PDB file of N, CA and C in Angstrom:
ATOM      1  N   MET A   1       5.368  43.504  13.564  1.00  0.00           N
ATOM      2  CA  MET A   1       5.019  44.583  13.629  1.00  0.00           C
ATOM      3  C   MET A   1       5.758  45.960  13.777  1.00  0.00           C
ATOM      4  N   ALA A   2       5.793  46.623  12.977  1.00  0.00           N
ATOM      5  CA  ALA A   2       7.228  47.709  12.353  1.00  0.00           C
ATOM      6  C   ALA A   2       6.644  49.195  12.871  1.00  0.00           C
ATOM      7  N   GLY A   3       7.569  49.688  13.432  1.00  0.00           N
ATOM      8  CA  GLY A   3       7.449  51.394  13.051  1.00  0.00           C
ATOM      9  C   GLY A   3       6.332  51.569  14.076  1.00  0.00           C
ATOM     10  N   SER A   4       6.691  52.625  15.162  1.00  0.00           N
ATOM     11  CA  SER A   4       5.671  53.492  16.016  1.00  0.00           C
ATOM     12  C   SER A   4       4.415  54.139  15.806  1.00  0.00           C
ATOM     13  N   GLU A   5       3.617  54.407  16.714  1.00  0.00           N
ATOM     14  CA  GLU A   5       2.220  54.556  16.200  1.00  0.00           C
ATOM     15  C   GLU A   5       2.323  55.769  15.602  1.00  0.00           C
ATOM     16  N   ASN A   6       3.167  56.733  15.698  1.00  0.00           N
ATOM     17  CA  ASN A   6       3.589  57.934  14.369  1.00  0.00           C
ATOM     18  C   ASN A   6       4.044  57.369  12.986  1.00  0.00           C
ATOM     19  N   ASP A   7       4.657  56.314  12.980  1.00  0.00           N
ATOM     20  CA  ASP A   7       5.070  55.893  12.025  1.00  0.00           C
ATOM     21  C   ASP A   7       4.070  55.258  11.319  1.00  0.00           C
ATOM     22  N   ARG A   8       3.522  54.487  11.843  1.00  0.00           N
ATOM     23  CA  ARG A   8       2.376  53.674  11.120  1.00  0.00           C
ATOM     24  C   ARG A   8       1.579  54.779  10.523  1.00  0.00           C
ATOM     25  N   TYR A   9       0.768  55.874  11.495  1.00  0.00           N
ATOM     26  CA  TYR A   9      -0.008  57.072  10.637  1.00  0.00           C
ATOM     27  C   TYR A   9       0.537  57.631   9.398  1.00  0.00           C
ATOM     28  N   THR A  10       1.669  57.995   9.572  1.00  0.00           N
ATOM     29  CA  THR A  10       2.554  58.732   8.170  1.00  0.00           C
ATOM     30  C   THR A  10       2.672  57.623   7.210  1.00  0.00           C
ATOM     31  N   ALA A  11       2.825  56.332   7.378  1.00  0.00           N
ATOM     32  CA  ALA A  11       2.971  55.342   6.251  1.00  0.00           C
ATOM     33  C   ALA A  11       1.694  55.154   5.723  1.00  0.00           C
ATOM     34  N   ALA A  12       0.539  54.946   6.422  1.00  0.00           N
ATOM     35  CA  ALA A  12      -0.822  55.165   5.993  1.00  0.00           C
ATOM     36  C   ALA A  12      -1.160  56.343   4.957  1.00  0.00           C
ATOM     37  N   LEU A  13      -0.704  57.349   5.350  1.00  0.00           N
ATOM     38  CA  LEU A  13      -0.828  58.580   5.164  1.00  0.00           C
ATOM     39  C   LEU A  13      -0.034  58.718   3.251  1.00  0.00           C
ATOM     40  N   CYS A  14       0.825  57.936   3.434  1.00  0.00           N
ATOM     41  CA  CYS A  14       1.689  57.420   1.987  1.00  0.00           C
ATOM     42  C   CYS A  14       0.718  57.173   1.020  1.00  0.00           C
ATOM     43  N   TYR A  15      -0.036  56.385   1.037  1.00  0.00           N
ATOM     44  CA  TYR A  15      -1.264  56.108   0.120  1.00  0.00           C
ATOM     45  C   TYR A  15      -2.211  57.039  -0.557  1.00  0.00           C
ATOM     46  N   VAL A  16      -2.135  58.377  -0.077  1.00  0.00           N
ATOM     47  CA  VAL A  16      -3.112  59.451  -0.021  1.00  0.00           C
ATOM     48  C   VAL A  16      -2.505  60.258  -1.417  1.00  0.00           C
ATOM     49  N   TRP A  17      -2.767  59.939  -2.531  1.00  0.00           N
ATOM     50  CA  TRP A  17      -1.982  60.761  -4.165  1.00  0.00           C
ATOM     51  C   TRP A  17      -0.673  61.484  -3.295  1.00  0.00           C
ATOM     52  N   ILE A  18      -0.578  62.408  -3.352  1.00  0.00           N
ATOM     53  CA  ILE A  18       0.672  63.285  -3.436  1.00  0.00           C
ATOM     54  C   ILE A  18       1.286  63.351  -2.358  1.00  0.00           C
ATOM     55  N   VAL A  19       0.933  63.317  -1.311  1.00  0.00           N
ATOM     56  CA  VAL A  19       1.451  63.397   0.454  1.00  0.00           C
ATOM     57  C   VAL A  19       2.419  61.721   0.382  1.00  0.00           C
ATOM     58  N   CYS A  20       2.169  61.102  -0.745  1.00  0.00           N
ATOM     59  CA  CYS A  20       3.572  60.249  -0.361  1.00  0.00           C
ATOM     60  C   CYS A  20       5.120  60.746  -0.606  1.00  0.00           C
ATOM     61  N   LEU A  21       5.040  61.708  -1.247  1.00  0.00           N
ATOM     62  CA  LEU A  21       6.271  62.533  -1.445  1.00  0.00           C
ATOM     63  C   LEU A  21       6.863  62.707   0.040  1.00  0.00           C
ATOM     64  N   TYR A  22       5.909  63.108   0.722  1.00  0.00           N
ATOM     65  CA  TYR A  22       6.110  63.806   2.280  1.00  0.00           C
ATOM     66  C   TYR A  22       7.275  62.713   2.840  1.00  0.00           C
ATOM     67  N   GLY A  23       6.536  61.550   2.707  1.00  0.00           N
ATOM     68  CA  GLY A  23       6.839  60.218   3.442  1.00  0.00           C
ATOM     69  C   GLY A  23       8.151  59.759   3.038  1.00  0.00           C
ATOM     70  N   LEU A  24       8.370  60.051   1.264  1.00  0.00           N
ATOM     71  CA  LEU A  24       9.746  59.797   0.587  1.00  0.00           C
ATOM     72  C   LEU A  24      10.972  60.753   0.714  1.00  0.00           C
ATOM     73  N   LEU A  25      10.441  62.065   1.027  1.00  0.00           N
ATOM     74  CA  LEU A  25      11.619  62.738   0.955  1.00  0.00           C
ATOM     75  C   LEU A  25      12.095  63.409   2.113  1.00  0.00           C
ATOM     76  N   PHE A  26      11.151  63.549   3.270  1.00  0.00           N
ATOM     77  CA  PHE A  26      11.299  64.040   4.552  1.00  0.00           C
ATOM     78  C   PHE A  26      11.438  62.838   5.295  1.00  0.00           C
ATOM     79  N   ARG A  27      11.177  61.785   5.423  1.00  0.00           N
ATOM     80  CA  ARG A  27      11.312  60.586   6.351  1.00  0.00           C
ATOM     81  C   ARG A  27      12.070  59.516   6.072  1.00  0.00           C
ATOM     82  N   LYS A  28      13.702  60.091   5.758  1.00  0.00           N
ATOM     83  CA  LYS A  28      14.471  58.938   5.010  1.00  0.00           C
ATOM     84  C   LYS A  28      14.786  58.291   6.400  1.00  0.00           C
ATOM     85  N   ASN A  29      14.843  58.247   7.395  1.00  0.00           N
ATOM     86  CA  ASN A  29      15.161  57.606   9.106  1.00  0.00           C
ATOM     87  C   ASN A  29      14.762  56.417   8.638  1.00  0.00           C
ATOM     88  N   SER A  30      13.469  56.052   8.446  1.00  0.00           N
ATOM     89  CA  SER A  30      12.204  55.336   8.570  1.00  0.00           C
ATOM     90  C   SER A  30      12.062  54.339   7.554  1.00  0.00           C
ATOM     91  N   SER A  31      12.524  53.139   7.267  1.00  0.00           N
ATOM     92  CA  SER A  31      12.714  52.166   6.414  1.00  0.00           C
ATOM     93  C   SER A  31      11.028  51.636   6.260  1.00  0.00           C
ATOM     94  N   PHE A  32      10.199  51.797   7.430  1.00  0.00           N
ATOM     95  CA  PHE A  32       8.944  51.439   7.506  1.00  0.00           C
ATOM     96  C   PHE A  32       8.266  52.819   6.760  1.00  0.00           C
ATOM     97  N   ILE A  33       8.551  53.850   6.938  1.00  0.00           N
ATOM     98  CA  ILE A  33       7.920  54.713   5.737  1.00  0.00           C
ATOM     99  C   ILE A  33       8.196  54.793   4.686  1.00  0.00           C
ATOM    100  N   GLN A  34       9.512  54.558   4.560  1.00  0.00           N
ATOM    101  CA  GLN A  34       9.982  54.721   2.993  1.00  0.00           C
ATOM    102  C   GLN A  34       9.374  53.413   2.036  1.00  0.00           C
ATOM    103  N   PHE A  35       9.411  52.112   3.072  1.00  0.00           N
ATOM    104  CA  PHE A  35       8.544  51.111   2.155  1.00  0.00           C
ATOM    105  C   PHE A  35       7.201  51.911   1.338  1.00  0.00           C
ATOM    106  N   HIS A  36       6.112  51.992   2.455  1.00  0.00           N
ATOM    107  CA  HIS A  36       4.991  52.517   1.942  1.00  0.00           C
ATOM    108  C   HIS A  36       4.976  53.448   1.378  1.00  0.00           C
ATOM    109  N   ALA A  37       6.026  54.626   1.289  1.00  0.00           N
ATOM    110  CA  ALA A  37       5.734  55.898   0.524  1.00  0.00           C
ATOM    111  C   ALA A  37       6.287  55.486  -0.910  1.00  0.00           C
ATOM    112  N   LYS A  38       7.198  54.270  -1.041  1.00  0.00           N
ATOM    113  CA  LYS A  38       7.627  53.818  -2.452  1.00  0.00           C
ATOM    114  C   LYS A  38       6.226  53.290  -2.954  1.00  0.00           C
ATOM    115  N   GLN A  39       5.392  52.423  -2.466  1.00  0.00           N
ATOM    116  CA  GLN A  39       4.410  51.886  -2.965  1.00  0.00           C
ATOM    117  C   GLN A  39       3.187  53.305  -3.110  1.00  0.00           C
ATOM    118  N   GLY A  40       3.078  54.163  -2.184  1.00  0.00           N
ATOM    119  CA  GLY A  40       2.287  55.161  -2.751  1.00  0.00           C
ATOM    120  C   GLY A  40       2.833  56.088  -3.501  1.00  0.00           C
ATOM    121  N   VAL A  41       4.027  56.207  -4.350  1.00  0.00           N
ATOM    122  CA  VAL A  41       4.562  56.937  -5.306  1.00  0.00           C
ATOM    123  C   VAL A  41       4.164  56.240  -6.714  1.00  0.00           C
ATOM    124  N   VAL A  42       4.408  54.755  -6.535  1.00  0.00           N
ATOM    125  CA  VAL A  42       4.014  53.843  -7.932  1.00  0.00           C
ATOM    126  C   VAL A  42       2.819  54.258  -8.121  1.00  0.00           C
ATOM    127  N   LEU A  43       1.726  54.261  -7.285  1.00  0.00           N
ATOM    128  CA  LEU A  43       0.220  54.402  -7.383  1.00  0.00           C
ATOM    129  C   LEU A  43      -0.447  55.361  -7.565  1.00  0.00           C
ATOM    130  N   PHE A  44       1.047  56.578  -7.362  1.00  0.00           N
ATOM    131  CA  PHE A  44       0.085  57.758  -7.482  1.00  0.00           C
ATOM    132  C   PHE A  44       0.737  57.943  -9.185  1.00  0.00           C
ATOM    133  N   ILE A  45       1.784  57.509  -9.622  1.00  0.00           N
ATOM    134  CA  ILE A  45       1.833  57.462 -11.135  1.00  0.00           C
ATOM    135  C   ILE A  45       1.138  57.032 -11.985  1.00  0.00           C
ATOM    136  N   ILE A  46       0.722  55.910 -11.711  1.00  0.00           N
ATOM    137  CA  ILE A  46      -0.254  54.919 -12.108  1.00  0.00           C
ATOM    138  C   ILE A  46      -1.470  55.762 -12.412  1.00  0.00           C
ATOM    139  N   GLU A  47      -2.155  56.434 -11.327  1.00  0.00           N
ATOM    140  CA  GLU A  47      -3.509  57.068 -11.420  1.00  0.00           C
ATOM    141  C   GLU A  47      -3.056  58.523 -12.427  1.00  0.00           C
ATOM    142  N   ILE A  48      -2.014  58.879 -12.026  1.00  0.00           N
ATOM    143  CA  ILE A  48      -1.744  60.196 -12.874  1.00  0.00           C
ATOM    144  C   ILE A  48      -1.615  59.739 -14.369  1.00  0.00           C
ATOM    145  N   LEU A  49      -1.391  58.379 -14.883  1.00  0.00           N
ATOM    146  CA  LEU A  49      -1.145  58.111 -16.117  1.00  0.00           C
ATOM    147  C   LEU A  49      -2.321  57.428 -16.642  1.00  0.00           C
ATOM    148  N   SER A  50      -3.034  56.960 -15.969  1.00  0.00           N
ATOM    149  CA  SER A  50      -4.659  56.355 -16.219  1.00  0.00           C
ATOM    150  C   SER A  50      -5.498  56.977 -17.208  1.00  0.00           C
ATOM    151  N   PRO A  51      -5.222  58.374 -17.335  1.00  0.00           N
ATOM    152  CA  PRO A  51      -6.254  58.685 -18.465  1.00  0.00           C
ATOM    153  C   PRO A  51      -5.802  58.510 -19.920  1.00  0.00           C
ATOM    154  N   ILE A  52      -4.031  58.227 -20.332  1.00  0.00           N
ATOM    155  CA  ILE A  52      -3.891  57.647 -21.247  1.00  0.00           C
ATOM    156  C   ILE A  52      -4.906  56.641 -21.913  1.00  0.00           C
ATOM    157  N   PHE A  53      -4.850  55.716 -20.827  1.00  0.00           N
ATOM    158  CA  PHE A  53      -5.996  54.626 -21.601  1.00  0.00           C
ATOM    159  C   PHE A  53      -7.489  54.955 -20.968  1.00  0.00           C
ATOM    160  N   LEU A  54      -7.891  55.523 -22.352  1.00  0.00           N
ATOM    161  CA  LEU A  54      -9.057  56.047 -22.082  1.00  0.00           C
ATOM    162  C   LEU A  54     -10.237  54.940 -21.709  1.00  0.00           C
ATOM    163  N   PHE A  55      -9.947  54.371 -22.098  1.00  0.00           N
ATOM    164  CA  PHE A  55     -11.314  52.987 -22.209  1.00  0.00           C
ATOM    165  C   PHE A  55     -10.772  52.166 -20.554  1.00  0.00           C
ATOM    166  N   PHE A  56      -9.862  52.136 -19.870  1.00  0.00           N
ATOM    167  CA  PHE A  56      -9.286  51.413 -18.950  1.00  0.00           C
ATOM    168  C   PHE A  56      -9.441  52.319 -17.856  1.00  0.00           C
ATOM    169  N   ALA A  57      -9.325  53.899 -17.826  1.00  0.00           N
ATOM    170  CA  ALA A  57      -8.771  54.797 -16.795  1.00  0.00           C
ATOM    171  C   ALA A  57      -9.964  54.357 -15.763  1.00  0.00           C
ATOM    172  N   PRO A  58     -11.043  54.254 -15.891  1.00  0.00           N
ATOM    173  CA  PRO A  58     -12.112  53.926 -14.763  1.00  0.00           C
ATOM    174  C   PRO A  58     -11.728  52.844 -13.908  1.00  0.00           C
ATOM    175  N   LEU A  59     -11.692  51.917 -14.598  1.00  0.00           N
ATOM    176  CA  LEU A  59     -10.919  50.495 -14.135  1.00  0.00           C
ATOM    177  C   LEU A  59      -9.386  50.484 -13.294  1.00  0.00           C
ATOM    178  N   VAL A  60      -8.655  51.182 -13.885  1.00  0.00           N
ATOM    179  CA  VAL A  60      -7.488  51.765 -13.101  1.00  0.00           C
ATOM    180  C   VAL A  60      -7.588  52.442 -11.887  1.00  0.00           C
ATOM    181  N   ILE A  61      -8.560  53.368 -12.175  1.00  0.00           N
ATOM    182  CA  ILE A  61      -8.428  54.591 -10.955  1.00  0.00           C
ATOM    183  C   ILE A  61      -9.186  53.565  -9.461  1.00  0.00           C
ATOM    184  N   ILE A  62      -9.920  52.474 -10.184  1.00  0.00           N
ATOM    185  CA  ILE A  62     -10.802  51.896  -9.136  1.00  0.00           C
ATOM    186  C   ILE A  62      -9.625  50.834  -8.307  1.00  0.00           C
ATOM    187  N   LEU A  63      -9.250  50.308  -9.042  1.00  0.00           N
ATOM    188  CA  LEU A  63      -8.071  49.203  -8.790  1.00  0.00           C
ATOM    189  C   LEU A  63      -6.921  50.226  -7.627  1.00  0.00           C
ATOM    190  N   CYS A  64      -6.684  51.323  -8.173  1.00  0.00           N
ATOM    191  CA  CYS A  64      -5.713  52.148  -7.293  1.00  0.00           C
ATOM    192  C   CYS A  64      -6.116  52.050  -5.985  1.00  0.00           C
ATOM    193  N   VAL A  65      -7.494  52.873  -6.126  1.00  0.00           N
ATOM    194  CA  VAL A  65      -8.048  52.821  -4.677  1.00  0.00           C
ATOM    195  C   VAL A  65      -8.495  51.619  -3.832  1.00  0.00           C
ATOM    196  N   ILE A  66      -8.652  50.549  -4.367  1.00  0.00           N
ATOM    197  CA  ILE A  66      -8.712  49.516  -3.586  1.00  0.00           C
ATOM    198  C   ILE A  66      -7.104  48.854  -3.257  1.00  0.00           C
ATOM    199  N   LEU A  67      -6.256  49.218  -3.890  1.00  0.00           N
ATOM    200  CA  LEU A  67      -4.842  49.034  -3.220  1.00  0.00           C
ATOM    201  C   LEU A  67      -4.478  49.890  -2.480  1.00  0.00           C
ATOM    202  N   SER A  68      -4.475  51.060  -2.679  1.00  0.00           N
ATOM    203  CA  SER A  68      -4.889  52.217  -1.722  1.00  0.00           C
ATOM    204  C   SER A  68      -5.062  51.685  -0.168  1.00  0.00           C
ATOM    205  N   ILE A  69      -6.264  51.396  -0.357  1.00  0.00           N
ATOM    206  CA  ILE A  69      -7.182  51.032   1.246  1.00  0.00           C
ATOM    207  C   ILE A  69      -6.132  50.012   1.934  1.00  0.00           C
ATOM    208  N   LEU A  70      -5.778  48.851   0.839  1.00  0.00           N
ATOM    209  CA  LEU A  70      -5.099  47.562   1.335  1.00  0.00           C
ATOM    210  C   LEU A  70      -3.943  47.864   2.064  1.00  0.00           C
ATOM    211  N   GLY A  71      -2.985  49.224   1.536  1.00  0.00           N
ATOM    212  CA  GLY A  71      -1.721  49.895   2.090  1.00  0.00           C
ATOM    213  C   GLY A  71      -1.881  50.251   3.099  1.00  0.00           C
ATOM    214  N   ILE A  72      -3.296  51.365   2.981  1.00  0.00           N
ATOM    215  CA  ILE A  72      -3.631  51.578   4.512  1.00  0.00           C
ATOM    216  C   ILE A  72      -3.610  51.101   5.619  1.00  0.00           C
ATOM    217  N   ARG A  73      -4.244  49.704   5.429  1.00  0.00           N
ATOM    218  CA  ARG A  73      -4.305  48.979   6.573  1.00  0.00           C
ATOM    219  C   ARG A  73      -3.536  47.906   6.731  1.00  0.00           C
ATOM    220  N   ALA A  74      -1.952  47.883   5.957  1.00  0.00           N
ATOM    221  CA  ALA A  74      -1.379  47.090   6.202  1.00  0.00           C
ATOM    222  C   ALA A  74      -0.543  48.138   7.066  1.00  0.00           C
ATOM    223  N   ALA A  75      -0.374  49.373   6.524  1.00  0.00           N
ATOM    224  CA  ALA A  75       0.736  50.589   7.252  1.00  0.00           C
ATOM    225  C   ALA A  75       0.086  50.746   8.848  1.00  0.00           C
ATOM    226  N   LEU A  76      -0.939  50.795   8.988  1.00  0.00           N
ATOM    227  CA  LEU A  76      -1.842  50.730  10.107  1.00  0.00           C
ATOM    228  C   LEU A  76      -1.708  49.540  11.015  1.00  0.00           C
ATOM    229  N   ALA A  77      -1.692  48.406  10.279  1.00  0.00           N
ATOM    230  CA  ALA A  77      -1.380  47.244  11.153  1.00  0.00           C
ATOM    231  C   ALA A  77       0.177  46.983  11.815  1.00  0.00           C
ATOM    232  N   GLY A  78       1.129  48.162  11.126  1.00  0.00           N
ATOM    233  CA  GLY A  78       2.350  47.763  11.292  1.00  0.00           C
ATOM    234  C   GLY A  78       3.315  46.633  10.550  1.00  0.00           C
ATOM    235  N   LYS A  79       2.712  46.707   9.336  1.00  0.00           N
ATOM    236  CA  LYS A  79       3.108  45.179   8.436  1.00  0.00           C
ATOM    237  C   LYS A  79       4.057  46.082   7.149  1.00  0.00           C
ATOM    238  N   TYR A  80       4.805  45.348   6.986  1.00  0.00           N
ATOM    239  CA  TYR A  80       5.465  45.173   5.441  1.00  0.00           C
ATOM    240  C   TYR A  80       5.041  44.522   4.432  1.00  0.00           C
ATOM    241  N   TRP A  81       3.869  44.851   3.780  1.00  0.00           N
ATOM    242  CA  TRP A  81       2.892  44.406   2.551  1.00  0.00           C
ATOM    243  C   TRP A  81       2.998  44.771   1.525  1.00  0.00           C
ATOM    244  N   SER A  82       3.809  44.087   0.532  1.00  0.00           N
ATOM    245  CA  SER A  82       3.912  44.611  -0.951  1.00  0.00           C
ATOM    246  C   SER A  82       2.716  44.080  -1.341  1.00  0.00           C
ATOM    247  N   LEU A  83       1.939  45.108  -2.056  1.00  0.00           N
ATOM    248  CA  LEU A  83       1.122  45.766  -2.924  1.00  0.00           C
ATOM    249  C   LEU A  83       1.187  44.395  -4.113  1.00  0.00           C
ATOM    250  N   PRO A  84       0.360  43.730  -4.928  1.00  0.00           N
ATOM    251  CA  PRO A  84       0.485  43.010  -6.059  1.00  0.00           C
ATOM    252  C   PRO A  84       0.766  43.987  -7.156  1.00  0.00           C
ATOM    253  N   PHE A  85       1.893  43.565  -7.870  1.00  0.00           N
ATOM    254  CA  PHE A  85       2.281  44.025  -9.077  1.00  0.00           C
ATOM    255  C   PHE A  85       3.410  44.948  -8.457  1.00  0.00           C
ATOM    256  N   ILE A  86       2.893  45.854  -7.728  1.00  0.00           N
ATOM    257  CA  ILE A  86       3.535  47.452  -7.300  1.00  0.00           C
ATOM    258  C   ILE A  86       4.803  47.196  -6.733  1.00  0.00           C
ATOM    259  N   GLY A  87       4.464  45.983  -5.733  1.00  0.00           N
ATOM    260  CA  GLY A  87       5.704  45.314  -4.804  1.00  0.00           C
ATOM    261  C   GLY A  87       6.852  45.066  -6.001  1.00  0.00           C
ATOM    262  N   ASP A  88       6.566  44.201  -7.023  1.00  0.00           N
ATOM    263  CA  ASP A  88       7.125  43.900  -7.974  1.00  0.00           C
ATOM    264  C   ASP A  88       7.844  44.620  -8.720  1.00  0.00           C
ATOM    265  N   VAL A  89       7.345  45.884  -9.219  1.00  0.00           N
ATOM    266  CA  VAL A  89       7.876  46.571  -9.874  1.00  0.00           C
ATOM    267  C   VAL A  89       8.835  47.640  -9.087  1.00  0.00           C
ATOM    268  N   ILE A  90       8.749  47.638  -7.755  1.00  0.00           N
ATOM    269  CA  ILE A  90       9.440  48.491  -6.950  1.00  0.00           C
ATOM    270  C   ILE A  90      11.016  47.746  -7.011  1.00  0.00           C
ATOM    271  N   LYS A  91      10.688  46.554  -7.190  1.00  0.00           N
ATOM    272  CA  LYS A  91      11.864  45.638  -6.809  1.00  0.00           C
ATOM    273  C   LYS A  91      12.974  45.227  -7.963  1.00  0.00           C
ATOM    274  N   LYS A  92      12.353  45.250  -9.092  1.00  0.00           N
ATOM    275  CA  LYS A  92      12.791  45.088 -10.372  1.00  0.00           C
ATOM    276  C   LYS A  92      13.255  46.393 -10.745  1.00  0.00           C
ATOM    277  N   THR A  93      13.019  47.848 -10.358  1.00  0.00           N
ATOM    278  CA  THR A  93      13.050  49.083 -10.967  1.00  0.00           C
ATOM    279  C   THR A  93      14.389  49.633  -9.690  1.00  0.00           C
ATOM    280  N   GLY A  94      14.115  49.160  -8.621  1.00  0.00           N
ATOM    281  CA  GLY A  94      15.358  49.689  -7.594  1.00  0.00           C
ATOM    282  C   GLY A  94      14.881  50.711  -6.901  1.00  0.00           C
ATOM    283  N   ILE A  95      13.367  50.987  -7.035  1.00  0.00           N
ATOM    284  CA  ILE A  95      13.300  52.335  -6.914  1.00  0.00           C
ATOM    285  C   ILE A  95      13.344  52.949  -5.045  1.00  0.00           C
TER     286      ILE A  95
END
């Protein structure tokens, strides 16, 4: 279990669209919040780019919502849990 109760709530909010930038930019002292904020940013970027793939956009949005819910649950539980595919992208790109 990681992070104080306040950190867990802030990390959970990092999965809500643009709010992820708050955790990334203003909570640099917490590795727990940074971990979840980075995943939130990647999800946010995928959601923004999803209309490019017209046919798959609804499916991508639904998948992002599901992954966000899983991320919120992990953050509230105080866990460092890498989202499928998203965690790999973060590790490979060094975000």
